[in-house]
């Protein structure tokens, strides 16, 4: 792989930031593709570079990527995140960043790589499915217009798959790679990650960042929170949906997204039970009062208070 794909040592956030800048430079130079545009590519054991691209590379994982891999491996999200990922942290980050951790061998190969290829192929992450096609999207506008979305071809000199004769459209490639579910979940997470809340209030405090992380990535801890606390007693959640959450990680992840919108962004995605409404309101009022007292600047009366998050 080229330098743009090197794994950040020990999850160094500065290296992640550098890669983001490099990716932006690549996007500015590469031709933009539509779903109907064609390209030539085929990856198979017969190409001389087979398996070499699955090493020393940054694979950013979405919540759905983690969900699929944990179910494939038959382990909890907590164990998966500890064993197979890196979690870079930087001061001004708005949402969690989860990277697939490469192996400790000299080549820094993906931990799921085998001599025959990907050992988790049917549940491989979205970036692995899409390669060599990249996707770029911009933020949706405040008045409801969807941000620009376009594709581009990642064509590295070491990849011999581009020399194959097989030609297909971008849409045909995506259909073959079965990315629809990944795209749907990716769009839903993008709405959270690019939420206007961050423009108004900036990065989350540690407690809410942990809540965001658990509700999107560490579903084992979020499950313990949902079913091990009084949450379902305080909020009106459909009984059928509760049953689905008990048996489906996808249903629980959907609930997690709703919870983030309510508990972090202050949106009315959750309905408080009538008998608990006053108690919850009293709790929120007390919490808001405490936060206002803590944030009151101890300077001259002319100092303007900063905008407070809900």
C-alpha atoms as a PDB file:
ATOM      1  CA  UNK A   1       0.000   0.000   0.000  1.00  0.00           C
ATOM      2  CA  UNK A   2       1.049   3.604  -0.474  1.00  0.00           C
ATOM      3  CA  UNK A   3       1.834   5.872   2.474  1.00  0.00           C
ATOM      4  CA  UNK A   4      -1.742   7.143   2.457  1.00  0.00           C
ATOM      5  CA  UNK A   5      -2.890   3.800   3.834  1.00  0.00           C
ATOM      6  CA  UNK A   6      -0.376   3.207   6.615  1.00  0.00           C
ATOM      7  CA  UNK A   7      -1.790   2.242   9.974  1.00  0.00           C
ATOM      8  CA  UNK A   8      -1.331   4.972  12.614  1.00  0.00           C
ATOM      9  CA  UNK A   9       1.149   3.606  15.132  1.00  0.00           C
ATOM     10  CA  UNK A  10      -0.623   2.922  18.444  1.00  0.00           C
ATOM     11  CA  UNK A  11      -3.667   4.759  17.077  1.00  0.00           C
ATOM     12  CA  UNK A  12      -1.883   8.115  16.957  1.00  0.00           C
ATOM     13  CA  UNK A  13      -4.653  10.657  16.197  1.00  0.00           C
ATOM     14  CA  UNK A  14      -2.194  12.962  14.463  1.00  0.00           C
ATOM     15  CA  UNK A  15      -1.486  10.251  11.901  1.00  0.00           C
ATOM     16  CA  UNK A  16      -5.227   9.757  11.419  1.00  0.00           C
ATOM     17  CA  UNK A  17      -5.557  13.501  10.832  1.00  0.00           C
ATOM     18  CA  UNK A  18      -2.683  13.434   8.324  1.00  0.00           C
ATOM     19  CA  UNK A  19      -4.363  10.624   6.435  1.00  0.00           C
ATOM     20  CA  UNK A  20      -7.611  12.592   6.309  1.00  0.00           C
ATOM     21  CA  UNK A  21      -5.765  15.498   4.703  1.00  0.00           C
ATOM     22  CA  UNK A  22      -4.140  13.145   2.189  1.00  0.00           C
ATOM     23  CA  UNK A  23      -7.533  11.652   1.341  1.00  0.00           C
ATOM     24  CA  UNK A  24      -8.918  15.134   0.706  1.00  0.00           C
ATOM     25  CA  UNK A  25      -6.019  15.800  -1.667  1.00  0.00           C
ATOM     26  CA  UNK A  26      -6.734  12.536  -3.493  1.00  0.00           C
ATOM     27  CA  UNK A  27     -10.416  13.459  -3.851  1.00  0.00           C
ATOM     28  CA  UNK A  28      -9.466  16.791  -5.363  1.00  0.00           C
ATOM     29  CA  UNK A  29      -7.349  15.070  -8.032  1.00  0.00           C
ATOM     30  CA  UNK A  30      -9.320  11.919  -8.902  1.00  0.00           C
ATOM     31  CA  UNK A  31     -12.086  11.754 -11.494  1.00  0.00           C
ATOM     32  CA  UNK A  32     -15.612  11.569 -10.092  1.00  0.00           C
ATOM     33  CA  UNK A  33     -17.641   8.531 -11.082  1.00  0.00           C
ATOM     34  CA  UNK A  34     -21.374   7.932 -11.347  1.00  0.00           C
ATOM     35  CA  UNK A  35     -23.019   4.540 -10.721  1.00  0.00           C
ATOM     36  CA  UNK A  36     -23.258   3.991 -14.515  1.00  0.00           C
ATOM     37  CA  UNK A  37     -19.557   4.632 -15.174  1.00  0.00           C
ATOM     38  CA  UNK A  38     -17.383   1.602 -15.926  1.00  0.00           C
ATOM     39  CA  UNK A  39     -13.951   0.446 -14.753  1.00  0.00           C
ATOM     40  CA  UNK A  40     -11.785  -2.668 -15.110  1.00  0.00           C
ATOM     41  CA  UNK A  41     -10.946  -4.737 -12.059  1.00  0.00           C
ATOM     42  CA  UNK A  42     -10.858  -8.293 -10.745  1.00  0.00           C
ATOM     43  CA  UNK A  43      -9.283  -9.671  -7.574  1.00  0.00           C
ATOM     44  CA  UNK A  44      -8.563 -13.406  -7.367  1.00  0.00           C
ATOM     45  CA  UNK A  45      -5.820 -15.774  -6.121  1.00  0.00           C
ATOM     46  CA  UNK A  46      -4.214 -15.705  -9.557  1.00  0.00           C
ATOM     47  CA  UNK A  47      -3.054 -12.083  -9.368  1.00  0.00           C
ATOM     48  CA  UNK A  48       0.497 -11.677  -8.072  1.00  0.00           C
ATOM     49  CA  UNK A  49      -0.526  -9.149  -5.430  1.00  0.00           C
ATOM     50  CA  UNK A  50      -3.252 -11.357  -3.897  1.00  0.00           C
ATOM     51  CA  UNK A  51      -3.590 -10.695  -0.128  1.00  0.00           C
ATOM     52  CA  UNK A  52      -0.863  -8.020  -0.076  1.00  0.00           C
ATOM     53  CA  UNK A  53      -3.391  -5.184   0.067  1.00  0.00           C
ATOM     54  CA  UNK A  54      -4.800  -6.567   3.329  1.00  0.00           C
ATOM     55  CA  UNK A  55      -1.875  -5.335   5.435  1.00  0.00           C
ATOM     56  CA  UNK A  56      -0.627  -2.118   7.012  1.00  0.00           C
ATOM     57  CA  UNK A  57      -3.781  -0.260   6.060  1.00  0.00           C
ATOM     58  CA  UNK A  58      -6.299   1.931   7.856  1.00  0.00           C
ATOM     59  CA  UNK A  59      -9.762   0.368   7.952  1.00  0.00           C
ATOM     60  CA  UNK A  60     -12.220   2.699   9.676  1.00  0.00           C
ATOM     61  CA  UNK A  61     -15.079   0.674  11.123  1.00  0.00           C
ATOM     62  CA  UNK A  62     -18.682   1.793  11.308  1.00  0.00           C
ATOM     63  CA  UNK A  63     -21.039   0.591  14.063  1.00  0.00           C
ATOM     64  CA  UNK A  64     -22.594  -1.855  11.577  1.00  0.00           C
ATOM     65  CA  UNK A  65     -19.148  -3.198  10.645  1.00  0.00           C
ATOM     66  CA  UNK A  66     -18.507  -3.962  14.323  1.00  0.00           C
ATOM     67  CA  UNK A  67     -21.952  -5.531  14.717  1.00  0.00           C
ATOM     68  CA  UNK A  68     -21.436  -7.883  11.770  1.00  0.00           C
ATOM     69  CA  UNK A  69     -17.927  -8.903  12.822  1.00  0.00           C
ATOM     70  CA  UNK A  70     -18.869  -9.594  16.447  1.00  0.00           C
ATOM     71  CA  UNK A  71     -21.737 -11.813  15.319  1.00  0.00           C
ATOM     72  CA  UNK A  72     -19.458 -13.579  12.838  1.00  0.00           C
ATOM     73  CA  UNK A  73     -16.840 -14.272  15.519  1.00  0.00           C
ATOM     74  CA  UNK A  74     -19.410 -15.132  18.187  1.00  0.00           C
ATOM     75  CA  UNK A  75     -17.959 -12.720  20.756  1.00  0.00           C
ATOM     76  CA  UNK A  76     -19.227  -9.647  22.570  1.00  0.00           C
ATOM     77  CA  UNK A  77     -18.672  -6.156  21.230  1.00  0.00           C
ATOM     78  CA  UNK A  78     -16.575  -5.352  24.294  1.00  0.00           C
ATOM     79  CA  UNK A  79     -14.206  -8.251  23.597  1.00  0.00           C
ATOM     80  CA  UNK A  80     -14.038  -7.434  19.887  1.00  0.00           C
ATOM     81  CA  UNK A  81     -13.205  -3.775  20.499  1.00  0.00           C
ATOM     82  CA  UNK A  82     -10.480  -4.675  22.995  1.00  0.00           C
ATOM     83  CA  UNK A  83      -8.870  -7.345  20.816  1.00  0.00           C
ATOM     84  CA  UNK A  84      -9.324  -6.187  17.240  1.00  0.00           C
ATOM     85  CA  UNK A  85      -9.495  -2.387  17.223  1.00  0.00           C
ATOM     86  CA  UNK A  86      -7.633   0.820  17.960  1.00  0.00           C
ATOM     87  CA  UNK A  87      -9.448   3.837  19.374  1.00  0.00           C
ATOM     88  CA  UNK A  88      -7.533   7.019  18.516  1.00  0.00           C
ATOM     89  CA  UNK A  89      -8.439   9.993  20.671  1.00  0.00           C
ATOM     90  CA  UNK A  90      -7.855  13.665  19.992  1.00  0.00           C
ATOM     91  CA  UNK A  91      -9.082  16.691  21.867  1.00  0.00           C
ATOM     92  CA  UNK A  92     -11.428  18.147  19.250  1.00  0.00           C
ATOM     93  CA  UNK A  93     -13.039  14.955  17.928  1.00  0.00           C
ATOM     94  CA  UNK A  94     -16.839  14.978  17.818  1.00  0.00           C
ATOM     95  CA  UNK A  95     -17.562  11.259  17.585  1.00  0.00           C
ATOM     96  CA  UNK A  96     -15.633   8.044  18.305  1.00  0.00           C
ATOM     97  CA  UNK A  97     -13.127   6.747  15.743  1.00  0.00           C
ATOM     98  CA  UNK A  98     -12.665   2.976  15.527  1.00  0.00           C
ATOM     99  CA  UNK A  99      -9.855   1.436  13.479  1.00  0.00           C
ATOM    100  CA  UNK A 100      -9.326  -2.225  12.683  1.00  0.00           C
ATOM    101  CA  UNK A 101      -6.114  -3.276  14.408  1.00  0.00           C
ATOM    102  CA  UNK A 102      -3.524  -4.915  12.186  1.00  0.00           C
ATOM    103  CA  UNK A 103      -1.520  -7.975  13.288  1.00  0.00           C
ATOM    104  CA  UNK A 104       1.809  -7.921  15.102  1.00  0.00           C
ATOM    105  CA  UNK A 105       3.726  -9.658  12.297  1.00  0.00           C
ATOM    106  CA  UNK A 106       6.287  -7.825  10.180  1.00  0.00           C
ATOM    107  CA  UNK A 107       3.810  -7.178   7.360  1.00  0.00           C
ATOM    108  CA  UNK A 108       1.157  -5.913   9.809  1.00  0.00           C
ATOM    109  CA  UNK A 109      -1.409  -8.126   8.084  1.00  0.00           C
ATOM    110  CA  UNK A 110      -5.104  -7.964   8.867  1.00  0.00           C
ATOM    111  CA  UNK A 111      -5.858 -10.328  11.725  1.00  0.00           C
ATOM    112  CA  UNK A 112      -8.581 -11.991   9.651  1.00  0.00           C
ATOM    113  CA  UNK A 113      -6.352 -12.729   6.656  1.00  0.00           C
ATOM    114  CA  UNK A 114      -5.700 -16.349   5.655  1.00  0.00           C
ATOM    115  CA  UNK A 115      -3.697 -17.880   2.804  1.00  0.00           C
ATOM    116  CA  UNK A 116      -6.981 -18.375   0.932  1.00  0.00           C
ATOM    117  CA  UNK A 117      -8.000 -14.757   1.424  1.00  0.00           C
ATOM    118  CA  UNK A 118     -10.317 -12.998   3.875  1.00  0.00           C
ATOM    119  CA  UNK A 119     -11.398 -15.261   6.735  1.00  0.00           C
ATOM    120  CA  UNK A 120     -14.544 -13.202   7.407  1.00  0.00           C
ATOM    121  CA  UNK A 121     -15.360 -12.486   3.771  1.00  0.00           C
ATOM    122  CA  UNK A 122     -19.158 -12.555   3.977  1.00  0.00           C
ATOM    123  CA  UNK A 123     -19.026 -10.165   6.955  1.00  0.00           C
ATOM    124  CA  UNK A 124     -16.047  -8.059   5.884  1.00  0.00           C
ATOM    125  CA  UNK A 125     -16.191  -4.312   6.643  1.00  0.00           C
ATOM    126  CA  UNK A 126     -17.616  -1.762   4.228  1.00  0.00           C
ATOM    127  CA  UNK A 127     -14.219  -0.362   3.073  1.00  0.00           C
ATOM    128  CA  UNK A 128     -13.078  -3.877   2.125  1.00  0.00           C
ATOM    129  CA  UNK A 129     -16.271  -4.493   0.172  1.00  0.00           C
ATOM    130  CA  UNK A 130     -16.032  -1.251  -1.745  1.00  0.00           C
ATOM    131  CA  UNK A 131     -12.337  -1.403  -2.738  1.00  0.00           C
ATOM    132  CA  UNK A 132     -11.225  -0.289  -5.310  1.00  0.00           C
ATOM    133  CA  UNK A 133     -14.214   2.069  -5.368  1.00  0.00           C
ATOM    134  CA  UNK A 134     -14.218   4.962  -2.926  1.00  0.00           C
ATOM    135  CA  UNK A 135     -17.232   7.008  -1.874  1.00  0.00           C
ATOM    136  CA  UNK A 136     -17.229  10.665  -0.907  1.00  0.00           C
ATOM    137  CA  UNK A 137     -20.186  12.520   0.588  1.00  0.00           C
ATOM    138  CA  UNK A 138     -20.652  16.017   1.889  1.00  0.00           C
ATOM    139  CA  UNK A 139     -22.827  17.228   4.729  1.00  0.00           C
ATOM    140  CA  UNK A 140     -26.570  17.584   4.099  1.00  0.00           C
ATOM    141  CA  UNK A 141     -27.729  21.193   4.099  1.00  0.00           C
ATOM    142  CA  UNK A 142     -29.813  22.685   6.918  1.00  0.00           C
ATOM    143  CA  UNK A 143     -32.799  23.149   4.572  1.00  0.00           C
ATOM    144  CA  UNK A 144     -32.999  19.429   3.823  1.00  0.00           C
ATOM    145  CA  UNK A 145     -30.960  19.051   0.632  1.00  0.00           C
ATOM    146  CA  UNK A 146     -28.855  15.915   0.569  1.00  0.00           C
ATOM    147  CA  UNK A 147     -25.100  16.449   0.382  1.00  0.00           C
ATOM    148  CA  UNK A 148     -23.172  15.641  -2.776  1.00  0.00           C
ATOM    149  CA  UNK A 149     -22.340  11.960  -3.221  1.00  0.00           C
ATOM    150  CA  UNK A 150     -19.874  10.610  -5.771  1.00  0.00           C
ATOM    151  CA  UNK A 151     -17.516   7.696  -6.353  1.00  0.00           C
ATOM    152  CA  UNK A 152     -13.868   7.552  -7.341  1.00  0.00           C
ATOM    153  CA  UNK A 153     -11.397   4.822  -8.304  1.00  0.00           C
ATOM    154  CA  UNK A 154      -8.574   3.896  -5.929  1.00  0.00           C
ATOM    155  CA  UNK A 155      -5.862   2.798  -8.349  1.00  0.00           C
ATOM    156  CA  UNK A 156      -2.593   1.959  -6.628  1.00  0.00           C
ATOM    157  CA  UNK A 157       0.434   0.903  -8.631  1.00  0.00           C
ATOM    158  CA  UNK A 158       0.907  -2.285  -6.584  1.00  0.00           C
ATOM    159  CA  UNK A 159      -2.610  -3.569  -7.324  1.00  0.00           C
ATOM    160  CA  UNK A 160      -2.616  -5.881 -10.353  1.00  0.00           C
ATOM    161  CA  UNK A 161      -6.381  -6.305 -10.300  1.00  0.00           C
ATOM    162  CA  UNK A 162      -6.683  -3.194 -12.446  1.00  0.00           C
ATOM    163  CA  UNK A 163      -4.857  -4.996 -15.264  1.00  0.00           C
ATOM    164  CA  UNK A 164      -7.599  -7.634 -15.553  1.00  0.00           C
ATOM    165  CA  UNK A 165      -9.886  -7.526 -18.589  1.00  0.00           C
ATOM    166  CA  UNK A 166     -13.163  -7.683 -16.689  1.00  0.00           C
ATOM    167  CA  UNK A 167     -15.210  -4.483 -17.060  1.00  0.00           C
ATOM    168  CA  UNK A 168     -18.271  -3.529 -15.031  1.00  0.00           C
ATOM    169  CA  UNK A 169     -20.131  -0.465 -13.795  1.00  0.00           C
ATOM    170  CA  UNK A 170     -19.792   1.036 -10.342  1.00  0.00           C
ATOM    171  CA  UNK A 171     -23.372  -0.030  -9.572  1.00  0.00           C
ATOM    172  CA  UNK A 172     -22.711  -3.606 -10.698  1.00  0.00           C
ATOM    173  CA  UNK A 173     -19.686  -3.721  -8.415  1.00  0.00           C
ATOM    174  CA  UNK A 174     -21.673  -2.473  -5.411  1.00  0.00           C
ATOM    175  CA  UNK A 175     -24.451  -4.975  -6.115  1.00  0.00           C
ATOM    176  CA  UNK A 176     -21.902  -7.800  -6.184  1.00  0.00           C
ATOM    177  CA  UNK A 177     -20.369  -6.654  -2.906  1.00  0.00           C
ATOM    178  CA  UNK A 178     -23.792  -6.473  -1.199  1.00  0.00           C
ATOM    179  CA  UNK A 179     -23.253  -3.042   0.303  1.00  0.00           C
ATOM    180  CA  UNK A 180     -26.915  -1.961   0.566  1.00  0.00           C
ATOM    181  CA  UNK A 181     -27.325  -2.696   4.289  1.00  0.00           C
ATOM    182  CA  UNK A 182     -23.914  -1.165   5.006  1.00  0.00           C
ATOM    183  CA  UNK A 183     -24.874   1.967   3.078  1.00  0.00           C
ATOM    184  CA  UNK A 184     -28.181   2.324   4.930  1.00  0.00           C
ATOM    185  CA  UNK A 185     -26.543   2.042   8.332  1.00  0.00           C
ATOM    186  CA  UNK A 186     -23.684   4.256   7.184  1.00  0.00           C
ATOM    187  CA  UNK A 187     -26.074   7.021   6.162  1.00  0.00           C
ATOM    188  CA  UNK A 188     -27.865   6.777   9.512  1.00  0.00           C
ATOM    189  CA  UNK A 189     -24.564   7.066  11.383  1.00  0.00           C
ATOM    190  CA  UNK A 190     -23.438   9.934   9.156  1.00  0.00           C
ATOM    191  CA  UNK A 191     -26.520  11.883  10.274  1.00  0.00           C
ATOM    192  CA  UNK A 192     -25.334  11.491  13.864  1.00  0.00           C
ATOM    193  CA  UNK A 193     -21.674  12.228  13.153  1.00  0.00           C
ATOM    194  CA  UNK A 194     -22.444  15.382  11.139  1.00  0.00           C
ATOM    195  CA  UNK A 195     -25.283  16.585  13.350  1.00  0.00           C
ATOM    196  CA  UNK A 196     -25.734  20.350  13.661  1.00  0.00           C
ATOM    197  CA  UNK A 197     -25.358  19.930  17.422  1.00  0.00           C
ATOM    198  CA  UNK A 198     -21.579  19.839  17.019  1.00  0.00           C
ATOM    199  CA  UNK A 199     -21.572  23.156  15.141  1.00  0.00           C
ATOM    200  CA  UNK A 200     -23.520  24.780  17.955  1.00  0.00           C
ATOM    201  CA  UNK A 201     -21.892  23.211  21.011  1.00  0.00           C
ATOM    202  CA  UNK A 202     -18.619  21.606  19.914  1.00  0.00           C
ATOM    203  CA  UNK A 203     -17.170  18.258  21.079  1.00  0.00           C
ATOM    204  CA  UNK A 204     -18.964  16.139  23.652  1.00  0.00           C
ATOM    205  CA  UNK A 205     -17.827  15.974  27.276  1.00  0.00           C
ATOM    206  CA  UNK A 206     -16.293  12.614  28.296  1.00  0.00           C
ATOM    207  CA  UNK A 207     -19.489  11.244  29.850  1.00  0.00           C
ATOM    208  CA  UNK A 208     -21.559  11.853  26.722  1.00  0.00           C
ATOM    209  CA  UNK A 209     -18.761  10.628  24.450  1.00  0.00           C
ATOM    210  CA  UNK A 210     -18.811   7.357  26.379  1.00  0.00           C
ATOM    211  CA  UNK A 211     -22.591   7.202  26.019  1.00  0.00           C
ATOM    212  CA  UNK A 212     -22.272   7.840  22.275  1.00  0.00           C
ATOM    213  CA  UNK A 213     -19.629   5.110  21.954  1.00  0.00           C
ATOM    214  CA  UNK A 214     -21.591   2.484  23.883  1.00  0.00           C
ATOM    215  CA  UNK A 215     -24.874   3.172  22.071  1.00  0.00           C
ATOM    216  CA  UNK A 216     -23.247   2.868  18.648  1.00  0.00           C
ATOM    217  CA  UNK A 217     -20.218   0.580  18.952  1.00  0.00           C
ATOM    218  CA  UNK A 218     -20.187  -1.306  22.259  1.00  0.00           C
ATOM    219  CA  UNK A 219     -23.643  -2.854  22.131  1.00  0.00           C
ATOM    220  CA  UNK A 220     -22.846  -5.281  24.945  1.00  0.00           C
ATOM    221  CA  UNK A 221     -22.476  -2.387  27.393  1.00  0.00           C
ATOM    222  CA  UNK A 222     -25.460  -0.606  25.865  1.00  0.00           C
ATOM    223  CA  UNK A 223     -27.559  -3.775  26.272  1.00  0.00           C
ATOM    224  CA  UNK A 224     -26.593  -3.898  29.953  1.00  0.00           C
ATOM    225  CA  UNK A 225     -27.619  -0.254  30.291  1.00  0.00           C
ATOM    226  CA  UNK A 226     -30.978  -0.716  28.545  1.00  0.00           C
ATOM    227  CA  UNK A 227     -32.048  -3.906  30.287  1.00  0.00           C
ATOM    228  CA  UNK A 228     -30.163  -3.490  33.559  1.00  0.00           C
ATOM    229  CA  UNK A 229     -31.444  -0.033  34.480  1.00  0.00           C
ATOM    230  CA  UNK A 230     -34.839   1.599  34.911  1.00  0.00           C
ATOM    231  CA  UNK A 231     -34.714   3.069  31.389  1.00  0.00           C
ATOM    232  CA  UNK A 232     -37.548   0.946  29.986  1.00  0.00           C
ATOM    233  CA  UNK A 233     -39.663   1.778  33.032  1.00  0.00           C
ATOM    234  CA  UNK A 234     -39.198   5.508  32.474  1.00  0.00           C
ATOM    235  CA  UNK A 235     -39.737   5.595  28.698  1.00  0.00           C
ATOM    236  CA  UNK A 236     -42.638   4.381  26.601  1.00  0.00           C
ATOM    237  CA  UNK A 237     -41.123   1.772  24.277  1.00  0.00           C
ATOM    238  CA  UNK A 238     -43.260  -0.597  22.229  1.00  0.00           C
ATOM    239  CA  UNK A 239     -43.287  -4.115  23.715  1.00  0.00           C
ATOM    240  CA  UNK A 240     -42.651  -5.700  20.318  1.00  0.00           C
ATOM    241  CA  UNK A 241     -39.629  -3.445  19.823  1.00  0.00           C
ATOM    242  CA  UNK A 242     -38.323  -4.419  23.275  1.00  0.00           C
ATOM    243  CA  UNK A 243     -38.645  -8.087  22.319  1.00  0.00           C
ATOM    244  CA  UNK A 244     -36.752  -7.430  19.089  1.00  0.00           C
ATOM    245  CA  UNK A 245     -33.987  -5.661  20.996  1.00  0.00           C
ATOM    246  CA  UNK A 246     -33.661  -8.657  23.295  1.00  0.00           C
ATOM    247  CA  UNK A 247     -33.015 -10.913  20.313  1.00  0.00           C
ATOM    248  CA  UNK A 248     -31.489  -8.668  17.644  1.00  0.00           C
ATOM    249  CA  UNK A 249     -28.369  -6.508  17.759  1.00  0.00           C
ATOM    250  CA  UNK A 250     -29.656  -4.568  14.752  1.00  0.00           C
ATOM    251  CA  UNK A 251     -32.801  -3.598  16.647  1.00  0.00           C
ATOM    252  CA  UNK A 252     -30.654  -2.610  19.630  1.00  0.00           C
ATOM    253  CA  UNK A 253     -28.401  -0.510  17.391  1.00  0.00           C
ATOM    254  CA  UNK A 254     -31.460   1.228  15.964  1.00  0.00           C
ATOM    255  CA  UNK A 255     -32.577   2.006  19.514  1.00  0.00           C
ATOM    256  CA  UNK A 256     -29.073   3.240  20.252  1.00  0.00           C
ATOM    257  CA  UNK A 257     -29.310   5.776  17.426  1.00  0.00           C
ATOM    258  CA  UNK A 258     -32.671   6.970  18.774  1.00  0.00           C
ATOM    259  CA  UNK A 259     -31.202   7.229  22.267  1.00  0.00           C
ATOM    260  CA  UNK A 260     -28.296   9.366  21.051  1.00  0.00           C
ATOM    261  CA  UNK A 261     -30.706  11.752  19.352  1.00  0.00           C
ATOM    262  CA  UNK A 262     -32.677  12.068  22.590  1.00  0.00           C
ATOM    263  CA  UNK A 263     -29.987  12.003  25.294  1.00  0.00           C
ATOM    264  CA  UNK A 264     -27.218  13.858  23.426  1.00  0.00           C
ATOM    265  CA  UNK A 265     -28.930  16.050  20.822  1.00  0.00           C
ATOM    266  CA  UNK A 266     -32.125  16.754  22.762  1.00  0.00           C
ATOM    267  CA  UNK A 267     -34.472  15.542  20.023  1.00  0.00           C
ATOM    268  CA  UNK A 268     -37.937  14.134  20.944  1.00  0.00           C
ATOM    269  CA  UNK A 269     -37.179  10.602  19.728  1.00  0.00           C
ATOM    270  CA  UNK A 270     -38.109   9.060  23.081  1.00  0.00           C
ATOM    271  CA  UNK A 271     -41.427   9.402  24.899  1.00  0.00           C
ATOM    272  CA  UNK A 272     -41.322   9.610  28.671  1.00  0.00           C
ATOM    273  CA  UNK A 273     -43.996   7.577  30.451  1.00  0.00           C
ATOM    274  CA  UNK A 274     -46.657   9.799  32.016  1.00  0.00           C
ATOM    275  CA  UNK A 275     -45.960   8.633  35.555  1.00  0.00           C
ATOM    276  CA  UNK A 276     -42.232   9.290  35.134  1.00  0.00           C
ATOM    277  CA  UNK A 277     -42.446  12.535  33.163  1.00  0.00           C
ATOM    278  CA  UNK A 278     -42.392  14.906  36.134  1.00  0.00           C
ATOM    279  CA  UNK A 279     -39.538  13.038  37.812  1.00  0.00           C
ATOM    280  CA  UNK A 280     -37.493  13.137  34.610  1.00  0.00           C
ATOM    281  CA  UNK A 281     -38.234  16.843  34.101  1.00  0.00           C
ATOM    282  CA  UNK A 282     -37.162  17.603  37.670  1.00  0.00           C
ATOM    283  CA  UNK A 283     -33.933  15.678  37.085  1.00  0.00           C
ATOM    284  CA  UNK A 284     -33.239  17.548  33.827  1.00  0.00           C
ATOM    285  CA  UNK A 285     -33.978  20.912  35.438  1.00  0.00           C
ATOM    286  CA  UNK A 286     -31.613  20.150  38.310  1.00  0.00           C
ATOM    287  CA  UNK A 287     -28.908  18.979  35.941  1.00  0.00           C
ATOM    288  CA  UNK A 288     -29.283  22.079  33.747  1.00  0.00           C
ATOM    289  CA  UNK A 289     -29.108  24.344  36.791  1.00  0.00           C
ATOM    290  CA  UNK A 290     -25.938  22.612  38.005  1.00  0.00           C
ATOM    291  CA  UNK A 291     -24.327  22.930  34.556  1.00  0.00           C
ATOM    292  CA  UNK A 292     -25.230  26.624  34.355  1.00  0.00           C
ATOM    293  CA  UNK A 293     -23.726  27.280  37.774  1.00  0.00           C
ATOM    294  CA  UNK A 294     -20.518  25.444  36.844  1.00  0.00           C
ATOM    295  CA  UNK A 295     -20.194  27.305  33.524  1.00  0.00           C
ATOM    296  CA  UNK A 296     -20.900  30.802  34.899  1.00  0.00           C
ATOM    297  CA  UNK A 297     -17.718  32.805  34.152  1.00  0.00           C
ATOM    298  CA  UNK A 298     -16.071  34.364  37.190  1.00  0.00           C
ATOM    299  CA  UNK A 299     -15.151  37.526  35.298  1.00  0.00           C
ATOM    300  CA  UNK A 300     -16.591  40.993  34.846  1.00  0.00           C
ATOM    301  CA  UNK A 301     -20.346  41.391  34.184  1.00  0.00           C
ATOM    302  CA  UNK A 302     -19.572  42.379  30.576  1.00  0.00           C
ATOM    303  CA  UNK A 303     -18.345  38.884  29.726  1.00  0.00           C
ATOM    304  CA  UNK A 304     -20.829  37.066  27.458  1.00  0.00           C
ATOM    305  CA  UNK A 305     -21.733  33.523  28.601  1.00  0.00           C
ATOM    306  CA  UNK A 306     -21.039  30.722  26.155  1.00  0.00           C
ATOM    307  CA  UNK A 307     -23.863  28.793  24.577  1.00  0.00           C
ATOM    308  CA  UNK A 308     -24.831  25.774  26.667  1.00  0.00           C
ATOM    309  CA  UNK A 309     -25.595  22.340  25.268  1.00  0.00           C
ATOM    310  CA  UNK A 310     -28.931  20.842  26.216  1.00  0.00           C
END
